[in-house]
Amino acid sequence: VIAPAGYGKSTMLRHMALRIADERTPGEELAVWLRVGCMYDLAQRNHNPEESGLDISLLCEAVKCSLENLPGRGPKIAQSAEELLHPQDVSRLLAATLYDHKQANTRAPLLLLIDGFDEVSEDRREKVDGWIKLARRWFDQQNAGRIVVASRPIFVRNAATDDVDVIRIRPLAQLARLDFVRAQLEDNAELSEMAVDAVSRGLDFDGSPLLLLMLCNHLRESGE
């Protein structure tokens, strides 16, 4: 998943993790949310998953680190989708499902949601990138899971995105931005017009759908 900063990559991955964890039944695919900055020890110690398989105990440590380093919620300017992404909810659901996966006799397939590929130093990024490539091969051979990586565009050349499907989140065009905010506030004509006016005057956040959603939720909460 490739997009500039602020386009909702992390939010999308966390939302996927939360929804899958909340709706899955034992044996179904388990979504595991990881930050690249917390994967270095996993990549060092479980250095060749293609040969040895995935070390679940080290994976659990990486997930624990990822959850401990979730950013705070900041100003409460979003309801709707953002409310679903409270870090405590993600932590609770992922911790429960990871425990389920660790104890299970039959391993459920994994969906590794790897966030922040661009947020670590080059040497650590290269180490994790090598691990991702080997883990992908093991997943393919064992039919054991899938991997999603999120990054800003500048950091994906010759990286783990080689030979995989790529989703690029692109900025909304001007007319699409106006339609987007109208749809978000269709139940309140006054707020809808305020949002349209703000976007028309250039407050478009570079066309980021996530930031446009936050603008709409801020208007809904504050009325101004």
Protein backbone atom coordinates (compact mmCIF):
# COMPACT_ATOMS: atom_id res chain seq x y z
CA VAL A 1 0.00 0.00 0.00
CA ILE A 2 1.80 3.11 -1.23
CA ALA A 3 0.72 6.66 -0.41
CA PRO A 4 2.13 9.95 0.89
CA ALA A 5 2.09 10.76 4.61
CA GLY A 6 -1.38 11.50 5.95
CA TYR A 7 -3.28 9.47 3.35
CA GLY A 8 -4.57 6.85 5.77
CA LYS A 9 -2.18 3.91 5.34
CA SER A 10 -1.83 3.22 9.05
CA THR A 11 -5.50 3.85 9.70
CA MET A 12 -6.46 1.39 6.97
CA LEU A 13 -4.18 -1.36 8.31
CA ARG A 14 -5.37 -0.87 11.88
CA HIS A 15 -8.97 -0.90 10.70
CA MET A 16 -8.35 -4.16 8.80
CA ALA A 17 -6.75 -5.72 11.89
CA LEU A 18 -9.60 -4.67 14.14
CA ARG A 19 -12.36 -5.81 11.79
CA ILE A 20 -10.81 -9.20 11.07
CA ALA A 21 -9.98 -9.80 14.73
CA ASP A 22 -13.51 -8.87 15.76
CA GLU A 23 -15.30 -10.98 13.13
CA ARG A 24 -13.09 -14.05 12.71
CA THR A 25 -13.88 -17.51 14.07
CA PRO A 26 -11.19 -20.03 15.19
CA GLY A 27 -9.27 -21.34 12.21
CA GLU A 28 -9.98 -18.35 9.99
CA GLU A 29 -7.32 -15.90 8.84
CA LEU A 30 -5.75 -13.93 11.68
CA ALA A 31 -4.67 -10.32 11.04
CA VAL A 32 -1.48 -9.27 12.84
CA TRP A 33 -0.59 -5.56 12.89
CA LEU A 34 3.14 -4.76 13.10
CA ARG A 35 5.28 -1.66 12.97
CA VAL A 36 8.52 -2.08 11.05
CA GLY A 37 10.38 -0.40 13.91
CA CYS A 38 9.40 -3.32 16.18
CA MET A 39 10.40 -6.07 13.74
CA TYR A 40 14.20 -5.80 13.84
CA ASP A 41 14.65 -8.42 16.60
CA LEU A 42 12.26 -10.77 14.78
CA ALA A 43 14.26 -10.31 11.56
CA GLN A 44 17.55 -10.88 13.41
CA ARG A 45 16.59 -14.01 15.38
CA ASN A 46 14.08 -15.61 12.98
CA HIS A 47 16.44 -14.66 10.17
CA ASN A 48 15.39 -17.26 7.56
CA PRO A 49 11.68 -18.06 7.88
CA GLU A 50 11.77 -19.69 4.43
CA GLU A 51 13.77 -22.56 5.99
CA SER A 52 12.73 -22.53 9.65
CA GLY A 53 9.16 -21.25 9.42
CA LEU A 54 7.68 -18.33 11.32
CA ASP A 55 8.62 -18.09 15.01
CA ILE A 56 5.29 -17.31 16.68
CA SER A 57 6.84 -16.35 20.04
CA LEU A 58 9.09 -13.75 18.38
CA LEU A 59 6.12 -12.55 16.31
CA CYS A 60 4.13 -12.05 19.53
CA GLU A 61 6.98 -9.97 20.96
CA ALA A 62 6.99 -7.79 17.84
CA VAL A 63 3.22 -7.30 18.10
CA LYS A 64 3.51 -6.43 21.80
CA CYS A 65 6.14 -3.81 20.96
CA SER A 66 3.97 -2.44 18.13
CA LEU A 67 0.98 -2.02 20.42
CA GLU A 68 3.02 -0.37 23.15
CA ASN A 69 4.22 2.24 20.66
CA LEU A 70 0.85 3.20 19.21
CA PRO A 71 0.49 6.99 19.11
CA GLY A 72 -2.03 8.70 21.36
CA ARG A 73 -5.43 9.68 20.08
CA GLY A 74 -4.71 13.40 20.05
CA PRO A 75 -7.58 15.91 19.95
CA LYS A 76 -10.94 14.21 19.77
CA ILE A 77 -11.94 15.53 16.38
CA ALA A 78 -13.14 12.31 14.76
CA GLN A 79 -16.02 10.00 15.46
CA SER A 80 -17.22 7.37 12.91
CA ALA A 81 -14.29 5.36 11.54
CA GLU A 82 -11.70 6.87 13.83
CA GLU A 83 -13.70 5.85 16.89
CA LEU A 84 -13.30 2.24 15.81
CA LEU A 85 -9.54 2.59 15.80
CA HIS A 86 -8.98 3.36 19.47
CA PRO A 87 -5.57 1.81 20.28
CA GLN A 88 -7.03 0.00 23.30
CA ASP A 89 -9.54 -1.78 21.05
CA VAL A 90 -6.82 -2.85 18.61
CA SER A 91 -4.62 -3.98 21.49
CA ARG A 92 -7.38 -5.96 23.17
CA LEU A 93 -8.52 -7.77 20.06
CA LEU A 94 -5.06 -8.48 18.66
CA ALA A 95 -3.76 -9.70 22.02
CA ALA A 96 -6.69 -12.12 22.33
CA THR A 97 -6.41 -13.47 18.81
CA LEU A 98 -2.62 -13.79 18.98
CA TYR A 99 -2.99 -15.84 22.16
CA ASP A 100 -5.56 -17.98 20.35
CA HIS A 101 -3.14 -18.45 17.47
CA LYS A 102 -0.18 -19.26 19.71
CA GLN A 103 -2.10 -21.95 21.61
CA ALA A 104 -3.94 -23.48 18.67
CA ASN A 105 -3.14 -27.01 17.59
CA THR A 106 -3.99 -26.13 14.01
CA ARG A 107 -2.40 -22.93 12.83
CA ALA A 108 -4.72 -20.39 11.25
CA PRO A 109 -3.40 -18.57 8.18
CA LEU A 110 -1.82 -15.22 8.99
CA LEU A 111 -2.30 -11.82 7.43
CA LEU A 112 0.72 -9.73 8.43
CA LEU A 113 -0.09 -6.02 8.21
CA ILE A 114 3.33 -4.33 8.27
CA ASP A 115 3.12 -0.59 8.85
CA GLY A 116 5.66 2.22 8.59
CA PHE A 117 8.15 0.69 6.16
CA ASP A 118 9.53 4.18 5.57
CA GLU A 119 9.88 5.09 9.26
CA VAL A 120 13.13 3.31 10.17
CA SER A 121 16.79 3.76 9.25
CA GLU A 122 18.04 2.33 5.98
CA ASP A 123 20.00 -0.55 7.54
CA ARG A 124 17.03 -1.69 9.62
CA ARG A 125 14.71 -1.29 6.67
CA GLU A 126 16.97 -3.49 4.54
CA LYS A 127 17.08 -6.15 7.28
CA VAL A 128 13.30 -6.23 7.66
CA ASP A 129 12.88 -6.12 3.87
CA GLY A 130 15.02 -9.25 3.52
CA TRP A 131 12.96 -10.99 6.21
CA ILE A 132 9.70 -10.04 4.48
CA LYS A 133 10.89 -11.55 1.19
CA LEU A 134 11.83 -14.84 2.89
CA ALA A 135 8.59 -14.90 4.89
CA ARG A 136 6.61 -14.38 1.69
CA ARG A 137 8.24 -17.44 0.14
CA TRP A 138 7.45 -19.55 3.20
CA PHE A 139 3.86 -18.32 3.21
CA ASP A 140 3.52 -19.21 -0.48
CA GLN A 141 5.06 -22.66 -0.03
CA GLN A 142 2.99 -23.53 3.04
CA ASN A 143 -0.17 -21.69 2.01
CA ALA A 144 0.23 -20.16 5.47
CA GLY A 145 -0.72 -16.53 4.97
CA ARG A 146 -0.26 -13.20 3.24
CA ILE A 147 1.67 -9.98 3.84
CA VAL A 148 0.62 -6.35 3.36
CA VAL A 149 3.25 -3.60 3.60
CA ALA A 150 2.49 0.13 3.89
CA SER A 151 5.03 2.76 2.85
CA ARG A 152 5.50 6.22 1.46
CA PRO A 153 6.45 6.07 -2.25
CA ILE A 154 10.07 7.17 -1.89
CA PHE A 155 11.08 4.08 0.10
CA VAL A 156 9.73 1.25 -2.03
CA ARG A 157 12.26 1.06 -4.85
CA ASN A 158 13.88 -2.41 -4.97
CA ALA A 159 12.13 -3.32 -1.75
CA ALA A 160 9.59 -5.87 -0.54
CA THR A 161 7.04 -4.59 -3.04
CA ASP A 162 8.89 -6.22 -5.96
CA ASP A 163 6.68 -8.68 -7.87
CA VAL A 164 3.60 -8.14 -5.70
CA ASP A 165 0.28 -6.41 -6.16
CA VAL A 166 0.55 -2.70 -5.38
CA ILE A 167 -2.24 -0.42 -4.18
CA ARG A 168 -1.50 3.28 -4.62
CA ILE A 169 -3.70 5.71 -2.69
CA ARG A 170 -3.83 8.76 -4.90
CA PRO A 171 -5.09 12.25 -4.08
CA LEU A 172 -8.71 12.98 -4.87
CA ALA A 173 -9.32 15.35 -7.76
CA GLN A 174 -11.07 18.63 -6.92
CA LEU A 175 -14.57 17.51 -7.94
CA ALA A 176 -14.13 14.19 -6.14
CA ARG A 177 -13.12 16.06 -2.98
CA LEU A 178 -16.32 18.09 -3.09
CA ASP A 179 -18.42 14.97 -3.67
CA PHE A 180 -16.60 13.23 -0.82
CA VAL A 181 -17.36 15.90 1.79
CA ARG A 182 -20.96 16.25 0.58
CA ALA A 183 -21.45 12.51 1.05
CA GLN A 184 -19.96 12.59 4.55
CA LEU A 185 -22.27 15.42 5.66
CA GLU A 186 -25.35 14.70 3.55
CA ASP A 187 -27.57 14.68 6.65
CA ASN A 188 -26.67 18.28 7.52
CA ALA A 189 -26.96 20.74 4.66
CA GLU A 190 -25.40 23.63 6.59
CA LEU A 191 -22.29 21.68 7.58
CA SER A 192 -22.07 20.23 4.09
CA GLU A 193 -21.92 23.70 2.59
CA MET A 194 -19.30 24.78 5.14
CA ALA A 195 -17.12 21.81 4.17
CA VAL A 196 -17.59 22.45 0.45
CA ASP A 197 -16.67 26.10 0.96
CA ALA A 198 -13.51 25.14 2.91
CA VAL A 199 -12.39 22.68 0.26
CA SER A 200 -13.21 25.11 -2.55
CA ARG A 201 -11.02 27.75 -0.88
CA GLY A 202 -8.06 25.41 -0.90
CA LEU A 203 -8.31 23.60 2.46
CA ASP A 204 -8.10 20.25 0.69
CA PHE A 205 -5.18 18.64 2.58
CA ASP A 206 -3.64 17.69 -0.77
CA GLY A 207 -6.66 15.54 -1.53
CA SER A 208 -6.07 13.08 1.34
CA PRO A 209 -9.32 11.11 1.96
CA LEU A 210 -8.40 10.56 5.61
CA LEU A 211 -7.78 14.24 6.32
CA LEU A 212 -10.94 15.22 4.47
CA LEU A 213 -12.83 12.79 6.71
CA MET A 214 -11.25 14.38 9.77
CA LEU A 215 -12.30 17.83 8.49
CA CYS A 216 -15.90 16.62 8.18
CA ASN A 217 -15.87 15.05 11.64
CA HIS A 218 -14.38 18.23 13.12
CA LEU A 219 -17.22 20.26 11.56
CA ARG A 220 -19.77 17.77 12.84
CA GLU A 221 -18.37 18.01 16.38
CA SER A 222 -17.60 21.72 16.62
CA GLY A 223 -20.08 23.19 14.16
CA GLU A 224 -17.47 25.58 12.83
